[in-house]
Amino acid sequence: MKKLRVAIVGATGYTGLELLRILNNHPQVEIALLSSKSFAGKSLSEVYPFELDQTILEGIDRQKLIEKNCDVLFAALPAGASYELVKSLGNMRVIDLGADFRFDDPHLYEKHYGNSLPDYDSSERVYGLTELYREQIRKASIVANPGCYPTAVLLGLAPLAKNGLLHANTVFVDAKSGVSGAGRKQDEQYSFCELNENLRPYNLVNHRHVPEIEEKLEKMVGRRINVVFVPHLVPMNRGILCTIYLETHLKVQEAHELYNEFYKDEPFVHVLPLGTHPATRWCLGSNHVFLSLAKDERTSTLIVVSTLDNLMKGASGQAVQNMNVMFSIEEETALYLKPIYP
């Protein structure tokens, strides 16, 4: 079988490097182009000696991408950087790891990201949460890879939402993330002394991922769901753990059976036995998601815990999973990676 020619734009960021780690072990992929705005003209090994790769990094150039005759482009760029590039690539299929194509309503993007998206409705795009939109992803020309927090929260709520059992008007999410979720940046608040031995909330009430979560929940249930979302920065490199609270009349055993049935054929989503709750380390370096359920009967509150690696299922792993679906490759190819433990 002819190998897929793959381009990665933004190859030197954390998600770009994670894409390389996965795709270098993909038997049906050939890396045709690596691009970096910051390090164009240097070899990958000059930037990251541990990569042992002499590939010269290209600048972000539309014509160069077209000349390379790639089958698929992974755009691992900040919000606002990929929209015009992606729209100008013709028939090349694209998986965008940024936020530019995630929303059905472009006004939500403009409000929360500060960029306008001209002619947005002409872009045929699919939201790339694989477990929920697999059939649409198969035919998609542009796949909008979800945010890391939305992946954790939506997978944690989908069994209820898709079965008409998400009756609460408000869902509360206590979320914690490792520092790589902020990207590779030089900023005092991400320095060692600010992070070590420390835990702090950030972006309370106005986090950019809230409208993404709310829009997708509304699409599933057909009505507005409010999400109260409080993220925290944890002094670890990678990992996300979301604890989700909502009122429900369901008994915990009923909810557990529902979740097991919903995810029974999913290779990367695992519903834990009642009484067992996940840890971020269980997902480290893998594309796996672990979910657990408990219920506070006194307050009729269902507690759903969802954990994943923000650079894998929260970004690059899910992107490769989507590529496999798009090109009719076995979905788990190159993603058999087990968590690194301890």
C-alpha atoms as a PDB file:
ATOM      1  CA  MET A   1       0.000   0.000   0.000  1.00  0.00           C
ATOM      2  CA  LYS A   2       1.263   3.464  -0.909  1.00  0.00           C
ATOM      3  CA  LYS A   3       2.355   5.414   2.141  1.00  0.00           C
ATOM      4  CA  LEU A   4       0.579   8.623   3.112  1.00  0.00           C
ATOM      5  CA  ARG A   5       2.662  11.736   2.555  1.00  0.00           C
ATOM      6  CA  VAL A   6       2.331  13.834   5.692  1.00  0.00           C
ATOM      7  CA  ALA A   7       3.212  17.449   6.452  1.00  0.00           C
ATOM      8  CA  ILE A   8       3.420  18.934   9.937  1.00  0.00           C
ATOM      9  CA  VAL A   9       3.234  22.707  10.247  1.00  0.00           C
ATOM     10  CA  GLY A  10       4.340  23.822  13.692  1.00  0.00           C
ATOM     11  CA  ALA A  11       6.591  20.801  14.102  1.00  0.00           C
ATOM     12  CA  THR A  12       8.715  22.203  16.953  1.00  0.00           C
ATOM     13  CA  GLY A  13       5.944  22.838  19.467  1.00  0.00           C
ATOM     14  CA  TYR A  14       4.906  20.223  21.988  1.00  0.00           C
ATOM     15  CA  THR A  15       2.048  18.901  19.857  1.00  0.00           C
ATOM     16  CA  GLY A  16       4.227  18.895  16.736  1.00  0.00           C
ATOM     17  CA  LEU A  17       6.912  16.867  18.497  1.00  0.00           C
ATOM     18  CA  GLU A  18       4.306  14.456  19.814  1.00  0.00           C
ATOM     19  CA  LEU A  19       2.964  14.003  16.283  1.00  0.00           C
ATOM     20  CA  LEU A  20       6.479  13.141  15.138  1.00  0.00           C
ATOM     21  CA  ARG A  21       6.917  10.630  17.966  1.00  0.00           C
ATOM     22  CA  ILE A  22       3.770   8.817  16.886  1.00  0.00           C
ATOM     23  CA  LEU A  23       4.076   9.130  13.112  1.00  0.00           C
ATOM     24  CA  ASN A  24       7.708   7.970  13.031  1.00  0.00           C
ATOM     25  CA  ASN A  25       6.324   4.618  14.192  1.00  0.00           C
ATOM     26  CA  HIS A  26       3.400   4.567  11.764  1.00  0.00           C
ATOM     27  CA  PRO A  27       3.951   1.917   9.073  1.00  0.00           C
ATOM     28  CA  GLN A  28       1.791   3.701   6.495  1.00  0.00           C
ATOM     29  CA  VAL A  29       3.199   7.227   6.826  1.00  0.00           C
ATOM     30  CA  GLU A  30       6.052   9.077   5.148  1.00  0.00           C
ATOM     31  CA  ILE A  31       6.993  12.466   6.620  1.00  0.00           C
ATOM     32  CA  ALA A  32       7.197  14.704   3.556  1.00  0.00           C
ATOM     33  CA  LEU A  33       7.595  18.125   5.179  1.00  0.00           C
ATOM     34  CA  LEU A  34       8.274  19.641   8.590  1.00  0.00           C
ATOM     35  CA  SER A  35       7.635  23.332   9.017  1.00  0.00           C
ATOM     36  CA  SER A  36       8.459  25.808  11.783  1.00  0.00           C
ATOM     37  CA  LYS A  37       8.091  29.576  11.870  1.00  0.00           C
ATOM     38  CA  SER A  38      10.663  30.001  14.650  1.00  0.00           C
ATOM     39  CA  PHE A  39      13.350  27.598  13.404  1.00  0.00           C
ATOM     40  CA  ALA A  40      13.043  27.604   9.606  1.00  0.00           C
ATOM     41  CA  GLY A  41      16.341  26.726   7.914  1.00  0.00           C
ATOM     42  CA  LYS A  42      17.665  24.711  10.845  1.00  0.00           C
ATOM     43  CA  SER A  43      17.701  20.950  11.058  1.00  0.00           C
ATOM     44  CA  LEU A  44      15.374  19.327  13.564  1.00  0.00           C
ATOM     45  CA  SER A  45      18.385  17.938  15.448  1.00  0.00           C
ATOM     46  CA  GLU A  46      19.818  21.459  15.843  1.00  0.00           C
ATOM     47  CA  VAL A  47      16.660  22.455  17.689  1.00  0.00           C
ATOM     48  CA  TYR A  48      16.156  19.146  19.510  1.00  0.00           C
ATOM     49  CA  PRO A  49      19.343  17.031  19.489  1.00  0.00           C
ATOM     50  CA  PHE A  50      17.486  14.047  20.969  1.00  0.00           C
ATOM     51  CA  GLU A  51      15.463  13.768  17.743  1.00  0.00           C
ATOM     52  CA  LEU A  52      18.618  12.655  15.826  1.00  0.00           C
ATOM     53  CA  ASP A  53      16.930  13.920  12.680  1.00  0.00           C
ATOM     54  CA  GLN A  54      18.737  16.005  10.060  1.00  0.00           C
ATOM     55  CA  THR A  55      15.543  17.090   8.273  1.00  0.00           C
ATOM     56  CA  ILE A  56      15.686  20.801   7.455  1.00  0.00           C
ATOM     57  CA  LEU A  57      12.703  22.712   8.794  1.00  0.00           C
ATOM     58  CA  GLU A  58      10.847  24.717   6.181  1.00  0.00           C
ATOM     59  CA  GLY A  59       9.114  28.028   6.728  1.00  0.00           C
ATOM     60  CA  ILE A  60       5.334  28.143   6.693  1.00  0.00           C
ATOM     61  CA  ASP A  61       4.823  28.353   2.947  1.00  0.00           C
ATOM     62  CA  ARG A  62       1.574  27.484   1.155  1.00  0.00           C
ATOM     63  CA  GLN A  63       3.297  26.850  -2.196  1.00  0.00           C
ATOM     64  CA  LYS A  64       5.888  24.545  -0.645  1.00  0.00           C
ATOM     65  CA  LEU A  65       3.096  22.498   0.947  1.00  0.00           C
ATOM     66  CA  ILE A  66       1.371  22.124  -2.409  1.00  0.00           C
ATOM     67  CA  GLU A  67       4.622  21.214  -4.196  1.00  0.00           C
ATOM     68  CA  LYS A  68       5.278  18.405  -1.718  1.00  0.00           C
ATOM     69  CA  ASN A  69       2.086  16.713  -2.912  1.00  0.00           C
ATOM     70  CA  CYS A  70       1.041  15.724   0.589  1.00  0.00           C
ATOM     71  CA  ASP A  71      -2.025  13.653   1.373  1.00  0.00           C
ATOM     72  CA  VAL A  72      -2.638  15.205   4.774  1.00  0.00           C
ATOM     73  CA  LEU A  73      -1.487  18.250   6.711  1.00  0.00           C
ATOM     74  CA  PHE A  74      -1.344  18.442  10.487  1.00  0.00           C
ATOM     75  CA  ALA A  75      -1.588  22.111  11.484  1.00  0.00           C
ATOM     76  CA  ALA A  76      -0.122  22.427  14.988  1.00  0.00           C
ATOM     77  CA  LEU A  77      -0.349  26.207  15.145  1.00  0.00           C
ATOM     78  CA  PRO A  78      -1.695  28.757  17.639  1.00  0.00           C
ATOM     79  CA  ALA A  79      -5.276  29.959  17.286  1.00  0.00           C
ATOM     80  CA  GLY A  80      -5.625  32.331  14.348  1.00  0.00           C
ATOM     81  CA  ALA A  81      -2.546  31.066  12.506  1.00  0.00           C
ATOM     82  CA  SER A  82      -3.976  28.215  10.464  1.00  0.00           C
ATOM     83  CA  TYR A  83      -7.282  29.481   9.052  1.00  0.00           C
ATOM     84  CA  GLU A  84      -6.116  31.240   5.880  1.00  0.00           C
ATOM     85  CA  LEU A  85      -3.369  28.658   5.238  1.00  0.00           C
ATOM     86  CA  VAL A  86      -5.744  25.716   5.501  1.00  0.00           C
ATOM     87  CA  LYS A  87      -8.447  27.300   3.338  1.00  0.00           C
ATOM     88  CA  SER A  88      -5.974  27.826   0.487  1.00  0.00           C
ATOM     89  CA  LEU A  89      -4.687  24.250   0.145  1.00  0.00           C
ATOM     90  CA  GLY A  90      -7.223  22.880  -2.313  1.00  0.00           C
ATOM     91  CA  ASN A  91      -7.752  19.122  -2.088  1.00  0.00           C
ATOM     92  CA  MET A  92      -5.216  18.403   0.645  1.00  0.00           C
ATOM     93  CA  ARG A  93      -6.923  16.923   3.698  1.00  0.00           C
ATOM     94  CA  VAL A  94      -6.224  18.759   6.928  1.00  0.00           C
ATOM     95  CA  ILE A  95      -6.286  18.004  10.641  1.00  0.00           C
ATOM     96  CA  ASP A  96      -6.110  21.304  12.515  1.00  0.00           C
ATOM     97  CA  LEU A  97      -4.972  21.016  16.130  1.00  0.00           C
ATOM     98  CA  GLY A  98      -5.796  24.671  16.802  1.00  0.00           C
ATOM     99  CA  ALA A  99      -9.179  26.264  17.446  1.00  0.00           C
ATOM    100  CA  ASP A 100      -9.868  27.892  14.069  1.00  0.00           C
ATOM    101  CA  PHE A 101     -12.350  25.299  12.780  1.00  0.00           C
ATOM    102  CA  ARG A 102     -13.855  23.956  16.024  1.00  0.00           C
ATOM    103  CA  PHE A 103     -16.983  26.071  16.242  1.00  0.00           C
ATOM    104  CA  ASP A 104     -20.234  25.810  14.333  1.00  0.00           C
ATOM    105  CA  ASP A 105     -20.866  29.474  15.188  1.00  0.00           C
ATOM    106  CA  PRO A 106     -17.900  31.642  14.099  1.00  0.00           C
ATOM    107  CA  HIS A 107     -19.092  34.468  16.366  1.00  0.00           C
ATOM    108  CA  LEU A 108     -18.199  32.327  19.379  1.00  0.00           C
ATOM    109  CA  TYR A 109     -14.658  31.999  18.049  1.00  0.00           C
ATOM    110  CA  GLU A 110     -14.409  35.727  17.361  1.00  0.00           C
ATOM    111  CA  LYS A 111     -15.689  36.576  20.854  1.00  0.00           C
ATOM    112  CA  HIS A 112     -13.357  34.249  22.737  1.00  0.00           C
ATOM    113  CA  TYR A 113     -10.261  34.213  20.497  1.00  0.00           C
ATOM    114  CA  GLY A 114     -10.371  37.755  19.136  1.00  0.00           C
ATOM    115  CA  ASN A 115      -9.940  36.846  15.446  1.00  0.00           C
ATOM    116  CA  SER A 116     -12.439  37.088  12.616  1.00  0.00           C
ATOM    117  CA  LEU A 117     -12.972  34.166  10.231  1.00  0.00           C
ATOM    118  CA  PRO A 118     -14.088  35.521   6.855  1.00  0.00           C
ATOM    119  CA  ASP A 119     -16.220  33.230   4.681  1.00  0.00           C
ATOM    120  CA  TYR A 120     -16.315  30.631   7.466  1.00  0.00           C
ATOM    121  CA  ASP A 121     -19.447  28.852   6.291  1.00  0.00           C
ATOM    122  CA  SER A 122     -17.737  27.851   3.041  1.00  0.00           C
ATOM    123  CA  SER A 123     -15.340  25.594   4.980  1.00  0.00           C
ATOM    124  CA  GLU A 124     -16.575  22.014   5.191  1.00  0.00           C
ATOM    125  CA  ARG A 125     -15.295  20.866   8.536  1.00  0.00           C
ATOM    126  CA  VAL A 126     -15.986  18.143  11.093  1.00  0.00           C
ATOM    127  CA  TYR A 127     -15.361  18.297  14.827  1.00  0.00           C
ATOM    128  CA  GLY A 128     -12.735  15.650  15.472  1.00  0.00           C
ATOM    129  CA  LEU A 129     -13.908  13.950  18.655  1.00  0.00           C
ATOM    130  CA  THR A 130     -13.430  10.527  17.146  1.00  0.00           C
ATOM    131  CA  GLU A 131     -15.769   8.498  19.341  1.00  0.00           C
ATOM    132  CA  LEU A 132     -18.726  10.791  18.561  1.00  0.00           C
ATOM    133  CA  TYR A 133     -18.130  11.831  14.947  1.00  0.00           C
ATOM    134  CA  ARG A 134     -16.307   8.868  13.440  1.00  0.00           C
ATOM    135  CA  GLU A 135     -18.542   8.470  10.372  1.00  0.00           C
ATOM    136  CA  GLN A 136     -18.362  12.182   9.493  1.00  0.00           C
ATOM    137  CA  ILE A 137     -14.579  12.172   9.973  1.00  0.00           C
ATOM    138  CA  ARG A 138     -14.188   9.379   7.386  1.00  0.00           C
ATOM    139  CA  LYS A 139     -15.301  11.746   4.614  1.00  0.00           C
ATOM    140  CA  ALA A 140     -14.015  15.038   5.993  1.00  0.00           C
ATOM    141  CA  SER A 141     -11.631  17.360   4.189  1.00  0.00           C
ATOM    142  CA  ILE A 142     -10.970  19.463   7.315  1.00  0.00           C
ATOM    143  CA  VAL A 143     -11.037  17.921  10.791  1.00  0.00           C
ATOM    144  CA  ALA A 144     -11.010  20.296  13.754  1.00  0.00           C
ATOM    145  CA  ASN A 145      -9.178  18.465  16.508  1.00  0.00           C
ATOM    146  CA  PRO A 146     -10.895  19.250  19.834  1.00  0.00           C
ATOM    147  CA  GLY A 147      -9.285  21.050  22.719  1.00  0.00           C
ATOM    148  CA  CYS A 148      -7.797  18.933  25.497  1.00  0.00           C
ATOM    149  CA  TYR A 149     -10.246  19.971  28.201  1.00  0.00           C
ATOM    150  CA  PRO A 150     -13.283  19.606  25.880  1.00  0.00           C
ATOM    151  CA  THR A 151     -12.153  16.078  24.980  1.00  0.00           C
ATOM    152  CA  ALA A 152     -12.057  15.093  28.652  1.00  0.00           C
ATOM    153  CA  VAL A 153     -15.371  16.762  29.532  1.00  0.00           C
ATOM    154  CA  LEU A 154     -17.348  15.721  26.446  1.00  0.00           C
ATOM    155  CA  LEU A 155     -16.268  12.092  26.701  1.00  0.00           C
ATOM    156  CA  GLY A 156     -17.259  12.270  30.361  1.00  0.00           C
ATOM    157  CA  LEU A 157     -20.773  13.500  29.510  1.00  0.00           C
ATOM    158  CA  ALA A 158     -21.507  11.977  26.089  1.00  0.00           C
ATOM    159  CA  PRO A 159     -23.231   8.772  27.307  1.00  0.00           C
ATOM    160  CA  LEU A 160     -25.772  10.863  29.219  1.00  0.00           C
ATOM    161  CA  ALA A 161     -26.151  13.538  26.538  1.00  0.00           C
ATOM    162  CA  LYS A 162     -26.531  11.155  23.589  1.00  0.00           C
ATOM    163  CA  ASN A 163     -29.137   9.084  25.442  1.00  0.00           C
ATOM    164  CA  GLY A 164     -31.311  12.034  26.503  1.00  0.00           C
ATOM    165  CA  LEU A 165     -30.358  11.654  30.164  1.00  0.00           C
ATOM    166  CA  LEU A 166     -28.446  14.891  30.727  1.00  0.00           C
ATOM    167  CA  HIS A 167     -31.314  16.689  32.467  1.00  0.00           C
ATOM    168  CA  ALA A 168     -29.263  19.141  34.539  1.00  0.00           C
ATOM    169  CA  ASN A 169     -29.233  22.724  33.280  1.00  0.00           C
ATOM    170  CA  THR A 170     -25.799  23.355  34.791  1.00  0.00           C
ATOM    171  CA  VAL A 171     -22.730  21.120  34.903  1.00  0.00           C
ATOM    172  CA  PHE A 172     -19.810  21.894  37.216  1.00  0.00           C
ATOM    173  CA  VAL A 173     -16.271  20.949  36.179  1.00  0.00           C
ATOM    174  CA  ASP A 174     -13.195  21.045  38.401  1.00  0.00           C
ATOM    175  CA  ALA A 175     -10.273  20.626  35.987  1.00  0.00           C
ATOM    176  CA  LYS A 176      -6.546  20.206  36.519  1.00  0.00           C
ATOM    177  CA  SER A 177      -3.842  20.236  33.850  1.00  0.00           C
ATOM    178  CA  GLY A 178      -0.112  19.803  33.496  1.00  0.00           C
ATOM    179  CA  VAL A 179       1.973  22.731  32.246  1.00  0.00           C
ATOM    180  CA  SER A 180       2.422  21.484  28.661  1.00  0.00           C
ATOM    181  CA  GLY A 181      -1.237  22.375  28.108  1.00  0.00           C
ATOM    182  CA  ALA A 182      -0.124  26.008  27.904  1.00  0.00           C
ATOM    183  CA  GLY A 183       2.239  25.232  25.019  1.00  0.00           C
ATOM    184  CA  ARG A 184       5.961  25.877  24.731  1.00  0.00           C
ATOM    185  CA  LYS A 185       6.397  29.458  25.839  1.00  0.00           C
ATOM    186  CA  GLN A 186       8.728  31.660  27.863  1.00  0.00           C
ATOM    187  CA  ASP A 187       6.614  33.324  30.498  1.00  0.00           C
ATOM    188  CA  GLU A 188       7.360  34.076  34.146  1.00  0.00           C
ATOM    189  CA  GLN A 189       4.197  32.374  35.384  1.00  0.00           C
ATOM    190  CA  TYR A 190       5.434  29.096  33.848  1.00  0.00           C
ATOM    191  CA  SER A 191       8.927  29.296  35.340  1.00  0.00           C
ATOM    192  CA  PHE A 192      10.120  26.599  37.743  1.00  0.00           C
ATOM    193  CA  CYS A 193       9.929  28.729  40.889  1.00  0.00           C
ATOM    194  CA  GLU A 194       6.383  29.842  40.098  1.00  0.00           C
ATOM    195  CA  LEU A 195       5.166  26.306  39.408  1.00  0.00           C
ATOM    196  CA  ASN A 196       7.075  24.021  41.743  1.00  0.00           C
ATOM    197  CA  GLU A 197       5.343  23.181  45.045  1.00  0.00           C
ATOM    198  CA  ASN A 198       2.350  25.193  43.838  1.00  0.00           C
ATOM    199  CA  LEU A 199      -1.229  24.745  42.644  1.00  0.00           C
ATOM    200  CA  ARG A 200      -3.358  27.568  41.325  1.00  0.00           C
ATOM    201  CA  PRO A 201      -6.576  28.213  39.421  1.00  0.00           C
ATOM    202  CA  TYR A 202      -6.522  30.297  36.249  1.00  0.00           C
ATOM    203  CA  ASN A 203      -8.945  31.798  33.720  1.00  0.00           C
ATOM    204  CA  LEU A 204     -11.933  31.372  36.013  1.00  0.00           C
ATOM    205  CA  VAL A 205     -15.349  31.931  34.340  1.00  0.00           C
ATOM    206  CA  ASN A 206     -13.879  32.935  30.963  1.00  0.00           C
ATOM    207  CA  HIS A 207     -11.778  29.979  29.794  1.00  0.00           C
ATOM    208  CA  ARG A 208     -11.768  29.646  25.993  1.00  0.00           C
ATOM    209  CA  HIS A 209     -12.772  25.998  26.111  1.00  0.00           C
ATOM    210  CA  VAL A 210     -16.105  26.658  27.833  1.00  0.00           C
ATOM    211  CA  PRO A 211     -17.968  27.839  24.696  1.00  0.00           C
ATOM    212  CA  GLU A 212     -16.554  24.850  22.796  1.00  0.00           C
ATOM    213  CA  ILE A 213     -17.890  22.442  25.427  1.00  0.00           C
ATOM    214  CA  GLU A 214     -21.259  24.188  25.673  1.00  0.00           C
ATOM    215  CA  GLU A 215     -21.773  24.326  21.901  1.00  0.00           C
ATOM    216  CA  LYS A 216     -21.093  20.592  21.479  1.00  0.00           C
ATOM    217  CA  LEU A 217     -23.317  19.670  24.444  1.00  0.00           C
ATOM    218  CA  GLU A 218     -26.129  21.794  23.035  1.00  0.00           C
ATOM    219  CA  LYS A 219     -25.774  19.997  19.712  1.00  0.00           C
ATOM    220  CA  MET A 220     -26.114  16.635  21.485  1.00  0.00           C
ATOM    221  CA  VAL A 221     -29.075  17.455  23.723  1.00  0.00           C
ATOM    222  CA  GLY A 222     -30.885  20.115  21.694  1.00  0.00           C
ATOM    223  CA  ARG A 223     -30.921  22.763  24.426  1.00  0.00           C
ATOM    224  CA  ARG A 224     -28.616  25.076  26.306  1.00  0.00           C
ATOM    225  CA  ILE A 225     -26.358  23.522  28.960  1.00  0.00           C
ATOM    226  CA  ASN A 226     -24.357  25.872  31.177  1.00  0.00           C
ATOM    227  CA  VAL A 227     -20.872  24.741  32.151  1.00  0.00           C
ATOM    228  CA  VAL A 228     -19.191  26.184  35.240  1.00  0.00           C
ATOM    229  CA  PHE A 229     -15.549  25.422  34.573  1.00  0.00           C
ATOM    230  CA  VAL A 230     -12.643  26.012  36.963  1.00  0.00           C
ATOM    231  CA  PRO A 231      -9.208  24.959  35.630  1.00  0.00           C
ATOM    232  CA  HIS A 232      -6.100  24.610  37.768  1.00  0.00           C
ATOM    233  CA  LEU A 233      -2.430  24.448  36.817  1.00  0.00           C
ATOM    234  CA  VAL A 234      -0.632  21.496  38.398  1.00  0.00           C
ATOM    235  CA  PRO A 235       3.199  21.261  38.650  1.00  0.00           C
ATOM    236  CA  MET A 236       3.543  18.275  36.314  1.00  0.00           C
ATOM    237  CA  ASN A 237       4.472  18.112  32.645  1.00  0.00           C
ATOM    238  CA  ARG A 238       1.396  16.436  31.177  1.00  0.00           C
ATOM    239  CA  GLY A 239      -1.994  15.096  32.048  1.00  0.00           C
ATOM    240  CA  ILE A 240      -5.551  16.308  32.612  1.00  0.00           C
ATOM    241  CA  LEU A 241      -8.035  15.228  35.255  1.00  0.00           C
ATOM    242  CA  CYS A 242     -11.585  16.604  35.217  1.00  0.00           C
ATOM    243  CA  THR A 243     -14.084  15.995  38.000  1.00  0.00           C
ATOM    244  CA  ILE A 244     -17.587  16.668  36.687  1.00  0.00           C
ATOM    245  CA  TYR A 245     -20.625  17.213  38.937  1.00  0.00           C
ATOM    246  CA  LEU A 246     -24.275  17.146  37.866  1.00  0.00           C
ATOM    247  CA  GLU A 247     -27.659  16.357  39.326  1.00  0.00           C
ATOM    248  CA  THR A 248     -29.395  13.208  38.102  1.00  0.00           C
ATOM    249  CA  HIS A 249     -32.120  10.795  39.132  1.00  0.00           C
ATOM    250  CA  LEU A 250     -30.095   7.856  37.799  1.00  0.00           C
ATOM    251  CA  LYS A 251     -28.682   5.391  40.273  1.00  0.00           C
ATOM    252  CA  VAL A 252     -24.935   5.013  40.016  1.00  0.00           C
ATOM    253  CA  GLN A 253     -25.315   1.389  38.878  1.00  0.00           C
ATOM    254  CA  GLU A 254     -27.631   2.521  36.060  1.00  0.00           C
ATOM    255  CA  ALA A 255     -25.194   5.223  34.975  1.00  0.00           C
ATOM    256  CA  HIS A 256     -22.312   2.751  35.104  1.00  0.00           C
ATOM    257  CA  GLU A 257     -24.167   0.285  32.861  1.00  0.00           C
ATOM    258  CA  LEU A 258     -24.981   3.128  30.452  1.00  0.00           C
ATOM    259  CA  TYR A 259     -21.327   4.197  30.212  1.00  0.00           C
ATOM    260  CA  ASN A 260     -20.093   0.638  29.760  1.00  0.00           C
ATOM    261  CA  GLU A 261     -22.555   0.055  26.934  1.00  0.00           C
ATOM    262  CA  PHE A 262     -21.759   3.381  25.246  1.00  0.00           C
ATOM    263  CA  TYR A 263     -18.001   2.778  25.178  1.00  0.00           C
ATOM    264  CA  LYS A 264     -17.913  -1.013  24.905  1.00  0.00           C
ATOM    265  CA  ASP A 265     -16.397  -0.991  21.390  1.00  0.00           C
ATOM    266  CA  GLU A 266     -14.069   1.975  21.868  1.00  0.00           C
ATOM    267  CA  PRO A 267     -10.390   0.997  22.011  1.00  0.00           C
ATOM    268  CA  PHE A 268      -9.232   4.132  23.840  1.00  0.00           C
ATOM    269  CA  VAL A 269     -12.013   4.903  26.336  1.00  0.00           C
ATOM    270  CA  HIS A 270     -12.165   2.759  29.467  1.00  0.00           C
ATOM    271  CA  VAL A 271     -14.917   2.824  32.095  1.00  0.00           C
ATOM    272  CA  LEU A 272     -13.516   1.704  35.427  1.00  0.00           C
ATOM    273  CA  PRO A 273     -15.325  -0.553  37.917  1.00  0.00           C
ATOM    274  CA  LEU A 274     -17.347   1.255  40.553  1.00  0.00           C
ATOM    275  CA  GLY A 275     -15.112   2.207  43.460  1.00  0.00           C
ATOM    276  CA  THR A 276     -11.996   2.556  41.260  1.00  0.00           C
ATOM    277  CA  HIS A 277     -10.927   6.067  40.225  1.00  0.00           C
ATOM    278  CA  PRO A 278      -8.227   7.081  37.725  1.00  0.00           C
ATOM    279  CA  ALA A 279      -4.966   8.983  38.000  1.00  0.00           C
ATOM    280  CA  THR A 280      -3.221  11.076  35.358  1.00  0.00           C
ATOM    281  CA  ARG A 281      -0.194   8.772  35.437  1.00  0.00           C
ATOM    282  CA  TRP A 282      -2.349   5.979  34.019  1.00  0.00           C
ATOM    283  CA  CYS A 283      -2.511   7.876  30.711  1.00  0.00           C
ATOM    284  CA  LEU A 284       1.019   9.270  30.500  1.00  0.00           C
ATOM    285  CA  GLY A 285       2.276   9.006  26.914  1.00  0.00           C
ATOM    286  CA  SER A 286      -0.778   7.058  25.710  1.00  0.00           C
ATOM    287  CA  ASN A 287      -3.996   7.770  23.818  1.00  0.00           C
ATOM    288  CA  HIS A 288      -6.156   6.187  26.520  1.00  0.00           C
ATOM    289  CA  VAL A 289      -8.925   7.851  28.521  1.00  0.00           C
ATOM    290  CA  PHE A 290     -10.138   6.532  31.871  1.00  0.00           C
ATOM    291  CA  LEU A 291     -13.576   7.333  33.278  1.00  0.00           C
ATOM    292  CA  SER A 292     -15.039   6.600  36.695  1.00  0.00           C
ATOM    293  CA  LEU A 293     -18.421   7.216  38.301  1.00  0.00           C
ATOM    294  CA  ALA A 294     -19.678   7.800  41.815  1.00  0.00           C
ATOM    295  CA  LYS A 295     -22.850   9.303  43.253  1.00  0.00           C
ATOM    296  CA  ASP A 296     -23.555  11.407  46.309  1.00  0.00           C
ATOM    297  CA  GLU A 297     -27.058  10.125  47.018  1.00  0.00           C
ATOM    298  CA  ARG A 298     -27.637  12.766  49.694  1.00  0.00           C
ATOM    299  CA  THR A 299     -27.504  15.551  47.066  1.00  0.00           C
ATOM    300  CA  SER A 300     -28.436  13.458  43.976  1.00  0.00           C
ATOM    301  CA  THR A 301     -25.066  14.439  42.466  1.00  0.00           C
ATOM    302  CA  LEU A 302     -23.358  12.198  39.927  1.00  0.00           C
ATOM    303  CA  ILE A 303     -19.574  12.570  39.944  1.00  0.00           C
ATOM    304  CA  VAL A 304     -17.748  11.675  36.725  1.00  0.00           C
ATOM    305  CA  VAL A 305     -13.954  11.631  36.717  1.00  0.00           C
ATOM    306  CA  SER A 306     -12.203  11.794  33.337  1.00  0.00           C
ATOM    307  CA  THR A 307      -8.459  11.676  32.808  1.00  0.00           C
ATOM    308  CA  LEU A 308      -6.184  11.737  29.737  1.00  0.00           C
ATOM    309  CA  ASP A 309      -2.790  12.885  28.495  1.00  0.00           C
ATOM    310  CA  ASN A 310      -3.326  16.391  27.103  1.00  0.00           C
ATOM    311  CA  LEU A 311      -0.648  15.906  24.423  1.00  0.00           C
ATOM    312  CA  MET A 312      -2.012  12.536  23.307  1.00  0.00           C
ATOM    313  CA  LYS A 313      -5.784  12.011  23.386  1.00  0.00           C
ATOM    314  CA  GLY A 314      -6.014  15.728  24.151  1.00  0.00           C
ATOM    315  CA  ALA A 315      -4.108  16.668  20.987  1.00  0.00           C
ATOM    316  CA  SER A 316      -1.662  14.683  18.827  1.00  0.00           C
ATOM    317  CA  GLY A 317      -2.822  11.145  19.617  1.00  0.00           C
ATOM    318  CA  GLN A 318      -6.401  12.009  18.754  1.00  0.00           C
ATOM    319  CA  ALA A 319      -5.175  13.758  15.596  1.00  0.00           C
ATOM    320  CA  VAL A 320      -3.461  10.549  14.413  1.00  0.00           C
ATOM    321  CA  GLN A 321      -6.550   8.563  15.409  1.00  0.00           C
ATOM    322  CA  ASN A 322      -8.560  10.872  13.167  1.00  0.00           C
ATOM    323  CA  MET A 323      -6.067  10.487  10.323  1.00  0.00           C
ATOM    324  CA  ASN A 324      -6.400   6.716  10.556  1.00  0.00           C
ATOM    325  CA  VAL A 325     -10.179   7.024  10.314  1.00  0.00           C
ATOM    326  CA  MET A 326      -9.976   9.472   7.378  1.00  0.00           C
ATOM    327  CA  PHE A 327      -7.786   7.128   5.339  1.00  0.00           C
ATOM    328  CA  SER A 328      -9.460   3.828   6.332  1.00  0.00           C
ATOM    329  CA  ILE A 329      -6.427   2.661   8.313  1.00  0.00           C
ATOM    330  CA  GLU A 330      -6.933   0.496  11.387  1.00  0.00           C
ATOM    331  CA  GLU A 331      -7.759   3.063  14.051  1.00  0.00           C
ATOM    332  CA  GLU A 332      -5.219   1.905  16.618  1.00  0.00           C
ATOM    333  CA  THR A 333      -2.265   1.955  14.190  1.00  0.00           C
ATOM    334  CA  ALA A 334       0.769   3.662  15.801  1.00  0.00           C
ATOM    335  CA  LEU A 335      -1.347   4.287  18.914  1.00  0.00           C
ATOM    336  CA  TYR A 336      -0.792   0.988  20.719  1.00  0.00           C
ATOM    337  CA  LEU A 337       1.477   2.950  23.064  1.00  0.00           C
ATOM    338  CA  LYS A 338       0.916   1.921  26.673  1.00  0.00           C
ATOM    339  CA  PRO A 339       1.235   4.462  29.474  1.00  0.00           C
ATOM    340  CA  ILE A 340       4.696   5.131  30.886  1.00  0.00           C
ATOM    341  CA  TYR A 341       4.644   3.910  34.478  1.00  0.00           C
ATOM    342  CA  PRO A 342       5.892   4.826  37.003  1.00  0.00           C
END
